[in-house]
Amino acid sequence: MDNQDMEYRGSYPPWSRTVSLNEMTGEAGIDFDQFVSCIEEGMSNSQMAERFQLSEAAVNSLTEHFFHYGIGSVMGGD
């Protein structure tokens, strides 16, 4: 291992402080499994907003989180 590798090793905690999608959907008052099913079915953000009675901006935030971080977003770093 060279000096550059040593510099970055251990610089970050082995977990993420990013909120999981499950927590985010819960805070929005919608069922996590239903939300993921809507994504799987290819529903648009406007269709999901209507279905869950949320703003399109809120649904957009949730779908962006899903496509950027995935379902869990918390990963170990052993």
Protein backbone atom coordinates (compact mmCIF):
# COMPACT_ATOMS: atom_id res chain seq x y z
CA MET A 1 0.00 0.00 0.00
CA ASP A 2 1.46 3.36 -0.96
CA ASN A 3 1.16 6.64 0.96
CA GLN A 4 -1.84 7.81 -1.07
CA ASP A 5 -3.77 4.62 -0.20
CA MET A 6 -2.90 5.07 3.48
CA GLU A 7 -4.11 8.67 3.39
CA TYR A 8 -7.65 7.66 2.38
CA ARG A 9 -7.91 4.42 4.31
CA GLY A 10 -9.92 4.99 7.46
CA SER A 11 -10.67 8.61 6.64
CA TYR A 12 -14.40 7.98 6.62
CA PRO A 13 -16.69 6.02 8.93
CA PRO A 14 -17.76 2.58 7.68
CA TRP A 15 -21.40 3.64 7.51
CA SER A 16 -23.53 6.26 5.86
CA ARG A 17 -25.42 9.05 7.60
CA THR A 18 -27.80 9.24 4.66
CA VAL A 19 -31.40 8.52 5.61
CA SER A 20 -32.77 5.30 4.11
CA LEU A 21 -35.61 5.32 1.62
CA ASN A 22 -37.69 3.34 4.10
CA GLU A 23 -37.37 6.15 6.65
CA MET A 24 -38.06 8.80 4.03
CA THR A 25 -41.27 7.16 2.80
CA GLY A 26 -42.38 6.70 6.40
CA GLU A 27 -41.85 10.40 7.09
CA ALA A 28 -43.87 11.20 3.97
CA GLY A 29 -46.69 8.99 5.26
CA ILE A 30 -46.62 6.44 2.44
CA ASP A 31 -46.01 2.71 2.39
CA PHE A 32 -42.46 1.83 1.40
CA ASP A 33 -43.40 -1.36 -0.46
CA GLN A 34 -46.13 0.40 -2.44
CA PHE A 35 -43.71 3.16 -3.40
CA VAL A 36 -41.09 0.69 -4.66
CA SER A 37 -43.81 -1.21 -6.55
CA CYS A 38 -44.83 2.01 -8.31
CA ILE A 39 -41.24 2.54 -9.43
CA GLU A 40 -41.09 -1.07 -10.61
CA GLU A 41 -44.32 -0.56 -12.59
CA GLY A 42 -42.80 2.51 -14.26
CA MET A 43 -45.26 5.05 -12.86
CA SER A 44 -44.35 8.68 -13.43
CA ASN A 45 -43.73 11.03 -10.52
CA SER A 46 -46.99 12.85 -11.25
CA GLN A 47 -48.93 9.55 -11.17
CA MET A 48 -47.30 8.61 -7.86
CA ALA A 49 -47.95 12.08 -6.44
CA GLU A 50 -51.64 11.69 -7.25
CA ARG A 51 -51.77 8.15 -5.88
CA PHE A 52 -50.05 9.01 -2.59
CA GLN A 53 -51.53 12.52 -2.31
CA LEU A 54 -48.11 14.16 -2.12
CA SER A 55 -46.59 17.02 -4.05
CA GLU A 56 -44.76 16.06 -7.21
CA ALA A 57 -41.62 17.66 -5.73
CA ALA A 58 -41.80 15.30 -2.72
CA VAL A 59 -42.18 12.25 -4.95
CA ASN A 60 -39.36 13.50 -7.17
CA SER A 61 -37.10 13.73 -4.13
CA LEU A 62 -37.96 10.16 -3.13
CA THR A 63 -37.41 8.74 -6.62
CA GLU A 64 -34.11 10.61 -7.00
CA HIS A 65 -32.99 9.17 -3.68
CA PHE A 66 -33.97 5.68 -4.86
CA PHE A 67 -32.03 5.92 -8.11
CA HIS A 68 -28.99 7.53 -6.47
CA TYR A 69 -28.69 5.52 -3.23
CA GLY A 70 -30.91 2.47 -3.74
CA ILE A 71 -33.17 1.04 -1.09
CA GLY A 72 -30.90 0.89 1.97
CA SER A 73 -28.21 3.50 1.40
CA VAL A 74 -26.38 2.30 4.53
CA MET A 75 -23.32 0.21 3.72
CA GLY A 76 -20.68 -1.27 5.93
CA GLY A 77 -17.00 -0.67 5.36
CA ASP A 78 -15.28 -3.61 7.01
